Amino acid sequence: MNRVSVVDENGSFRLVVCDGRFAVVETRAGKVFGVPQDRDGGRDGAADSPDGIESVARWTGEGEARDLMRDLSRRGEELARRML
């Protein structure tokens, strides 16, 4: 697997990059979750590690991931609590 790097972090959200792909993940209680959540409302968490991030990330282009990160940052911690 390729190395995952954190590009930006705001509250519980991280903008990450791996092999030219970007994603936003959320960290809670030592676990990492993909953002946005699954359509059925459930979210499987993984260990907060590079392998864990790769397993839950919803990879996209840089612009889309940065827009999502900016939106989530604006809505802040209230949104993060509702998503769990």
Protein backbone atom coordinates (compact mmCIF):
# COMPACT_ATOMS: atom_id res chain seq x y z
CA MET A 1 0.00 0.00 0.00
CA ASN A 2 1.06 3.56 -0.59
CA ARG A 3 1.66 6.08 2.15
CA VAL A 4 -1.29 8.15 3.36
CA SER A 5 -0.50 11.77 4.25
CA VAL A 6 -2.62 14.26 6.17
CA VAL A 7 -2.95 17.48 4.16
CA ASP A 8 -5.23 19.40 6.54
CA GLU A 9 -7.02 18.80 9.83
CA ASN A 10 -9.93 20.63 11.42
CA GLY A 11 -11.57 19.26 14.55
CA SER A 12 -12.28 15.59 13.96
CA PHE A 13 -11.93 15.86 10.16
CA ARG A 14 -8.80 15.18 8.11
CA LEU A 15 -8.11 15.81 4.44
CA VAL A 16 -5.82 13.00 3.32
CA VAL A 17 -3.96 12.12 0.15
CA CYS A 18 -2.59 8.83 -1.13
CA ASP A 19 -1.17 8.15 -4.57
CA GLY A 20 -2.79 11.26 -6.07
CA ARG A 21 -6.21 10.47 -4.59
CA PHE A 22 -7.85 12.66 -1.95
CA ALA A 23 -10.46 11.96 0.72
CA VAL A 24 -11.93 13.36 3.92
CA VAL A 25 -12.09 11.09 6.94
CA GLU A 26 -13.39 11.61 10.45
CA THR A 27 -11.62 10.40 13.60
CA ARG A 28 -13.41 9.46 16.79
CA ALA A 29 -12.27 7.38 19.76
CA GLY A 30 -9.23 5.91 18.01
CA LYS A 31 -11.17 4.98 14.88
CA VAL A 32 -11.39 6.53 11.45
CA PHE A 33 -14.57 6.79 9.35
CA GLY A 34 -15.18 7.58 5.70
CA VAL A 35 -16.98 10.80 4.82
CA PRO A 36 -19.63 11.08 3.54
CA GLN A 37 -21.32 8.26 5.41
CA ASP A 38 -22.85 5.27 3.62
CA ARG A 39 -26.24 5.78 2.00
CA ASP A 40 -27.93 3.50 4.52
CA GLY A 41 -26.66 5.73 7.33
CA GLY A 42 -24.21 3.17 8.71
CA ARG A 43 -20.50 3.69 8.89
CA ASP A 44 -17.92 1.04 9.54
CA GLY A 45 -14.89 2.37 11.36
CA ALA A 46 -11.31 1.19 11.10
CA ALA A 47 -8.17 1.64 13.16
CA ASP A 48 -6.74 5.17 12.99
CA SER A 49 -3.75 4.16 10.88
CA PRO A 50 -2.69 4.53 7.24
CA ASP A 51 -4.15 1.09 6.44
CA GLY A 52 -7.37 1.96 8.28
CA ILE A 53 -7.70 5.24 6.38
CA GLU A 54 -7.20 3.47 3.07
CA SER A 55 -9.91 0.95 3.94
CA VAL A 56 -12.63 3.54 4.72
CA ALA A 57 -11.71 6.52 2.53
CA ARG A 58 -14.05 7.60 -0.24
CA TRP A 59 -11.34 8.61 -2.71
CA THR A 60 -11.98 11.49 -5.10
CA GLY A 61 -10.22 14.34 -6.84
CA GLU A 62 -8.47 17.09 -4.96
CA GLY A 63 -11.02 19.82 -5.69
CA GLU A 64 -14.00 17.77 -4.54
CA ALA A 65 -12.23 16.64 -1.37
CA ARG A 66 -11.11 20.19 -0.51
CA ASP A 67 -14.66 21.48 -1.07
CA LEU A 68 -16.02 18.79 1.25
CA MET A 69 -13.40 19.59 3.89
CA ARG A 70 -14.21 23.31 3.66
CA ASP A 71 -17.95 22.59 4.02
CA LEU A 72 -17.46 20.28 7.00
CA SER A 73 -15.13 22.76 8.67
CA ARG A 74 -17.80 25.45 8.39
CA ARG A 75 -20.42 23.25 9.99
CA GLY A 76 -18.02 22.11 12.69
CA GLU A 77 -18.40 19.77 15.58
CA GLU A 78 -22.21 19.83 15.64
CA LEU A 79 -22.31 18.00 12.32
CA ALA A 80 -19.66 15.54 13.45
CA ARG A 81 -21.75 14.50 16.45
CA ARG A 82 -24.88 14.01 14.31
CA MET A 83 -23.01 11.82 11.81
CA LEU A 84 -22.05 9.29 14.48
